[in-house]
């Protein structure tokens, strides 16, 4: 009994110095905090592409909530797209059949793109490649092995863009506006050019100021990204009906007398 009481007294006396200096030994108490308090900080880095892209475009969307051109431009888009779909219906059907016969896969290619205010939408195109990527998109390049035989012609003639008339009719796109890019490219282009988010104040277009000024095809260099962005920002900052009509006529001219060596 004496040995056990002595042992307990020694243990008590040994523990006493640890508890006494409450001011200088306050830090060890931090180790008693539950580990669950630090867990939420690990989840944050796993952000999806849409979240990152939206964060980059929120400022532009808030400063000008109404799209460039307003209701008159939207009325023009509805009339132009609906009329074109009626006139081009036989060509659309024939092209869809040809795409199906040329290579295995769907005739229509659908992919998420950044639209008005940074919101995503699914763009429609005639399939020109053997792949149907929606994430991890790699830009097409000259002599790209993924481009099908018919796809090469569709890209050079811009016929692959014709299904986007449905996107225009639905309100996701406009006849004229900045061309929409894949979501991963939106993030990269914004890092290259800080003015890039201004493009989202307009509905993306089937054609645009950049395209009629030679900025078509791949944007594999920072210089090409900045050049295309410069035209897009110029378009949304100084939009007029006069320029809109000029782009329409310039696009028609390019369809029949193509001069752009960068077009695929």
Protein backbone atom coordinates (compact mmCIF):
# COMPACT_ATOMS: atom_id res chain seq x y z
CA UNK A 1 0.00 0.00 0.00
CA UNK A 2 2.83 2.36 0.85
CA UNK A 3 4.51 1.64 -2.50
CA UNK A 4 1.32 2.31 -4.49
CA UNK A 5 0.62 5.54 -2.61
CA UNK A 6 4.21 6.63 -3.12
CA UNK A 7 3.97 5.87 -6.84
CA UNK A 8 0.78 7.89 -7.14
CA UNK A 9 2.38 10.79 -5.28
CA UNK A 10 5.39 10.69 -7.62
CA UNK A 11 3.11 10.65 -10.63
CA UNK A 12 1.17 13.60 -9.27
CA UNK A 13 4.30 15.54 -8.50
CA UNK A 14 5.67 14.77 -11.99
CA UNK A 15 2.48 16.01 -13.68
CA UNK A 16 2.29 19.20 -11.62
CA UNK A 17 5.06 21.12 -13.45
CA UNK A 18 3.29 20.54 -16.78
CA UNK A 19 0.02 22.15 -15.66
CA UNK A 20 1.49 25.00 -13.67
CA UNK A 21 2.88 27.37 -16.39
CA UNK A 22 -0.48 28.03 -18.09
CA UNK A 23 0.79 31.06 -20.00
CA UNK A 24 3.97 29.65 -21.52
CA UNK A 25 2.59 26.16 -22.21
CA UNK A 26 -0.67 27.19 -23.89
CA UNK A 27 0.40 25.92 -27.32
CA UNK A 28 0.23 22.14 -26.55
CA UNK A 29 -3.52 22.51 -26.05
CA UNK A 30 -3.86 23.18 -29.80
CA UNK A 31 -3.13 19.53 -30.44
CA UNK A 32 -6.44 18.63 -28.83
CA UNK A 33 -8.45 20.28 -31.66
CA UNK A 34 -10.53 17.75 -33.57
CA UNK A 35 -8.98 16.78 -36.93
CA UNK A 36 -12.37 17.21 -38.60
CA UNK A 37 -11.97 20.99 -38.35
CA UNK A 38 -9.25 20.97 -41.01
CA UNK A 39 -10.95 18.52 -43.39
CA UNK A 40 -13.06 20.99 -45.47
CA UNK A 41 -9.96 22.84 -46.74
CA UNK A 42 -8.90 19.82 -48.79
CA UNK A 43 -12.05 19.71 -50.94
CA UNK A 44 -11.75 23.23 -52.42
CA UNK A 45 -9.07 22.63 -55.15
CA UNK A 46 -11.29 20.08 -56.97
CA UNK A 47 -13.13 22.72 -59.01
CA UNK A 48 -14.88 21.85 -62.26
CA UNK A 49 -14.16 23.64 -65.50
CA UNK A 50 -17.50 25.49 -65.42
CA UNK A 51 -16.86 26.95 -61.96
CA UNK A 52 -13.44 28.31 -62.87
CA UNK A 53 -14.67 29.72 -66.14
CA UNK A 54 -17.71 31.36 -64.57
CA UNK A 55 -15.53 33.02 -61.94
CA UNK A 56 -13.50 34.58 -64.73
CA UNK A 57 -16.56 36.01 -66.46
CA UNK A 58 -18.80 37.15 -63.62
CA UNK A 59 -17.46 40.72 -63.74
CA UNK A 60 -18.21 41.14 -67.42
CA UNK A 61 -21.66 39.59 -67.05
CA UNK A 62 -22.59 41.86 -64.13
CA UNK A 63 -21.48 45.11 -65.79
CA UNK A 64 -23.65 44.56 -68.88
CA UNK A 65 -26.45 42.06 -68.21
CA UNK A 66 -28.29 42.70 -71.49
CA UNK A 67 -26.65 41.19 -74.59
CA UNK A 68 -25.00 43.35 -77.23
CA UNK A 69 -27.53 44.56 -79.79
CA UNK A 70 -30.55 44.11 -77.57
CA UNK A 71 -33.93 42.93 -78.84
CA UNK A 72 -33.41 44.20 -82.41
CA UNK A 73 -30.40 41.94 -82.88
CA UNK A 74 -32.33 39.03 -81.38
CA UNK A 75 -35.25 39.68 -83.75
CA UNK A 76 -32.82 39.65 -86.69
CA UNK A 77 -31.33 36.36 -85.48
CA UNK A 78 -34.75 34.69 -85.29
CA UNK A 79 -35.76 35.84 -88.77
CA UNK A 80 -32.40 35.02 -90.36
CA UNK A 81 -31.95 31.59 -88.74
CA UNK A 82 -35.51 30.40 -89.35
CA UNK A 83 -35.40 31.52 -93.00
CA UNK A 84 -32.01 29.92 -93.55
CA UNK A 85 -33.14 26.63 -92.00
CA UNK A 86 -36.10 26.46 -94.37
CA UNK A 87 -34.01 27.26 -97.46
CA UNK A 88 -31.07 25.04 -96.49
CA UNK A 89 -33.12 22.10 -95.19
CA UNK A 90 -32.30 19.83 -98.20
CA UNK A 91 -28.59 20.65 -97.88
CA UNK A 92 -28.63 19.94 -94.15
CA UNK A 93 -30.28 16.57 -94.63
CA UNK A 94 -27.95 15.59 -97.48
CA UNK A 95 -24.86 16.62 -95.48
CA UNK A 96 -26.02 14.65 -92.45
CA UNK A 97 -26.45 11.52 -94.58
CA UNK A 98 -23.04 12.02 -96.18
CA UNK A 99 -21.35 12.36 -92.79
CA UNK A 100 -22.94 9.11 -91.61
CA UNK A 101 -21.83 7.29 -94.76
CA UNK A 102 -18.31 8.72 -94.72
CA UNK A 103 -17.28 7.47 -91.28
CA UNK A 104 -18.79 5.72 -88.25
CA UNK A 105 -20.41 7.95 -85.65
CA UNK A 106 -23.18 10.48 -85.25
CA UNK A 107 -23.78 13.07 -87.94
CA UNK A 108 -24.06 15.88 -85.39
CA UNK A 109 -21.26 16.77 -83.00
CA UNK A 110 -22.34 18.38 -79.71
CA UNK A 111 -19.95 20.06 -77.31
CA UNK A 112 -20.24 22.39 -74.32
CA UNK A 113 -19.10 25.93 -75.01
CA UNK A 114 -19.08 29.24 -73.13
CA UNK A 115 -22.01 31.48 -74.06
CA UNK A 116 -23.66 34.75 -73.03
CA UNK A 117 -22.68 35.79 -69.50
CA UNK A 118 -20.35 32.79 -69.23
CA UNK A 119 -23.21 30.27 -69.20
CA UNK A 120 -22.56 26.96 -70.93
CA UNK A 121 -24.56 25.62 -73.85
CA UNK A 122 -24.23 22.70 -76.25
CA UNK A 123 -23.11 23.78 -79.70
CA UNK A 124 -24.17 21.79 -82.78
CA UNK A 125 -21.87 21.07 -85.70
CA UNK A 126 -21.60 18.47 -88.41
CA UNK A 127 -19.05 15.93 -87.23
CA UNK A 128 -15.75 16.39 -89.05
CA UNK A 129 -13.51 14.21 -86.87
CA UNK A 130 -13.29 10.60 -85.81
CA UNK A 131 -13.50 11.66 -82.14
CA UNK A 132 -16.29 13.30 -80.13
CA UNK A 133 -14.41 15.07 -77.31
CA UNK A 134 -16.24 17.19 -74.75
CA UNK A 135 -13.40 17.46 -72.18
CA UNK A 136 -9.66 17.55 -72.65
CA UNK A 137 -10.22 19.09 -76.08
CA UNK A 138 -7.23 19.32 -78.40
CA UNK A 139 -7.53 21.94 -81.15
CA UNK A 140 -7.58 20.77 -84.74
CA UNK A 141 -4.44 21.45 -86.73
CA UNK A 142 -3.41 21.29 -90.36
CA UNK A 143 -3.12 17.70 -91.60
CA UNK A 144 -4.81 16.49 -88.39
CA UNK A 145 -5.24 12.71 -88.58
CA UNK A 146 -8.54 12.94 -86.67
CA UNK A 147 -10.25 14.85 -89.51
CA UNK A 148 -12.30 12.61 -91.79
CA UNK A 149 -12.25 12.75 -95.58
CA UNK A 150 -15.55 14.60 -95.81
CA UNK A 151 -14.69 16.58 -92.68
CA UNK A 152 -11.81 18.29 -94.44
CA UNK A 153 -14.17 19.68 -97.08
CA UNK A 154 -16.80 20.66 -94.51
CA UNK A 155 -14.24 22.63 -92.53
CA UNK A 156 -12.80 24.47 -95.54
CA UNK A 157 -16.27 25.38 -96.78
CA UNK A 158 -17.61 26.14 -93.25
CA UNK A 159 -20.58 23.86 -93.94
CA UNK A 160 -19.88 22.12 -90.64
CA UNK A 161 -21.18 25.27 -88.89
CA UNK A 162 -24.65 25.16 -90.50
CA UNK A 163 -26.35 23.22 -87.65
CA UNK A 164 -25.57 26.20 -85.41
CA UNK A 165 -28.55 27.90 -87.03
CA UNK A 166 -30.57 25.81 -84.56
CA UNK A 167 -28.47 27.25 -81.72
CA UNK A 168 -29.26 30.73 -83.02
CA UNK A 169 -32.99 29.99 -83.19
CA UNK A 170 -32.92 28.65 -79.61
CA UNK A 171 -31.19 31.80 -78.36
CA UNK A 172 -27.86 30.25 -77.40
CA UNK A 173 -26.03 31.96 -80.26
CA UNK A 174 -26.33 34.84 -82.70
CA UNK A 175 -25.61 35.07 -86.42
CA UNK A 176 -22.82 37.55 -85.69
CA UNK A 177 -20.69 37.51 -82.54
CA UNK A 178 -17.47 36.18 -80.97
CA UNK A 179 -16.93 32.54 -81.85
CA UNK A 180 -17.47 30.24 -78.84
CA UNK A 181 -14.58 28.12 -77.64
CA UNK A 182 -14.29 24.92 -75.64
CA UNK A 183 -14.45 25.45 -71.87
CA UNK A 184 -10.79 24.53 -71.30
CA UNK A 185 -9.79 27.05 -73.96
CA UNK A 186 -11.83 29.78 -72.25
CA UNK A 187 -9.70 29.33 -69.14
CA UNK A 188 -6.42 29.34 -71.06
CA UNK A 189 -7.32 32.31 -73.27
CA UNK A 190 -8.31 34.38 -70.24
CA UNK A 191 -4.86 33.76 -68.76
CA UNK A 192 -3.27 34.97 -71.98
CA UNK A 193 -5.46 38.09 -72.40
CA UNK A 194 -7.14 39.81 -69.43
CA UNK A 195 -9.79 41.39 -71.69
CA UNK A 196 -11.06 37.98 -72.83
CA UNK A 197 -14.13 37.89 -70.49
CA UNK A 198 -15.59 40.94 -72.26
CA UNK A 199 -16.54 38.62 -75.12
CA UNK A 200 -19.26 37.12 -72.93
CA UNK A 201 -21.31 40.32 -73.03
CA UNK A 202 -22.50 39.20 -76.48
CA UNK A 203 -24.10 35.99 -77.64
CA UNK A 204 -21.50 33.85 -79.43
CA UNK A 205 -21.81 33.99 -83.20
CA UNK A 206 -21.75 31.66 -86.18
CA UNK A 207 -19.33 34.19 -87.67
CA UNK A 208 -17.73 37.32 -86.32
CA UNK A 209 -15.43 40.29 -86.78
CA UNK A 210 -12.36 38.19 -86.00
CA UNK A 211 -13.24 35.56 -88.61
CA UNK A 212 -13.73 38.02 -91.49
CA UNK A 213 -10.37 39.61 -90.60
CA UNK A 214 -8.36 36.42 -90.99
CA UNK A 215 -8.48 35.06 -87.42
CA UNK A 216 -9.77 31.59 -88.24
CA UNK A 217 -8.35 28.16 -87.62
CA UNK A 218 -6.16 27.04 -84.70
CA UNK A 219 -5.02 29.45 -81.98
CA UNK A 220 -1.91 27.57 -80.93
CA UNK A 221 0.15 30.69 -80.06
CA UNK A 222 -0.40 33.56 -77.64
CA UNK A 223 -0.16 36.02 -80.53
CA UNK A 224 -3.09 34.38 -82.33
CA UNK A 225 -5.14 34.28 -79.13
CA UNK A 226 -4.53 37.99 -78.51
CA UNK A 227 -5.30 38.91 -82.12
CA UNK A 228 -8.65 37.07 -82.10
CA UNK A 229 -9.54 38.45 -78.66
CA UNK A 230 -8.71 41.98 -79.81
CA UNK A 231 -11.26 41.76 -82.65
CA UNK A 232 -13.89 40.19 -80.37
CA UNK A 233 -13.50 42.89 -77.73
CA UNK A 234 -13.59 45.59 -80.42
CA UNK A 235 -16.87 44.11 -81.66
CA UNK A 236 -18.64 44.13 -78.28
CA UNK A 237 -17.32 47.56 -77.27
CA UNK A 238 -18.30 49.32 -80.49
CA UNK A 239 -21.29 47.37 -81.81
CA UNK A 240 -23.38 49.06 -84.52
CA UNK A 241 -25.87 47.84 -87.11
CA UNK A 242 -23.58 49.18 -89.80
CA UNK A 243 -20.74 46.92 -88.69
CA UNK A 244 -23.17 44.01 -88.32
CA UNK A 245 -24.19 44.30 -91.97
CA UNK A 246 -20.56 44.63 -93.07
CA UNK A 247 -19.69 41.37 -91.31
CA UNK A 248 -22.62 39.59 -92.97
CA UNK A 249 -21.47 40.61 -96.47
CA UNK A 250 -17.82 39.88 -95.65
CA UNK A 251 -18.79 36.39 -94.48
CA UNK A 252 -20.70 35.68 -97.69
CA UNK A 253 -17.68 36.81 -99.69
CA UNK A 254 -15.39 34.48 -97.71
CA UNK A 255 -17.65 31.53 -98.36
CA UNK A 256 -17.15 31.89 -102.12
CA UNK A 257 -13.73 33.54 -102.33
CA UNK A 258 -11.81 32.20 -99.37
CA UNK A 259 -8.51 34.01 -98.80
CA UNK A 260 -7.63 32.92 -95.29
CA UNK A 261 -4.70 30.44 -95.30
CA UNK A 262 -5.32 29.68 -91.62
CA UNK A 263 -8.72 28.12 -92.23
CA UNK A 264 -8.79 24.33 -92.00
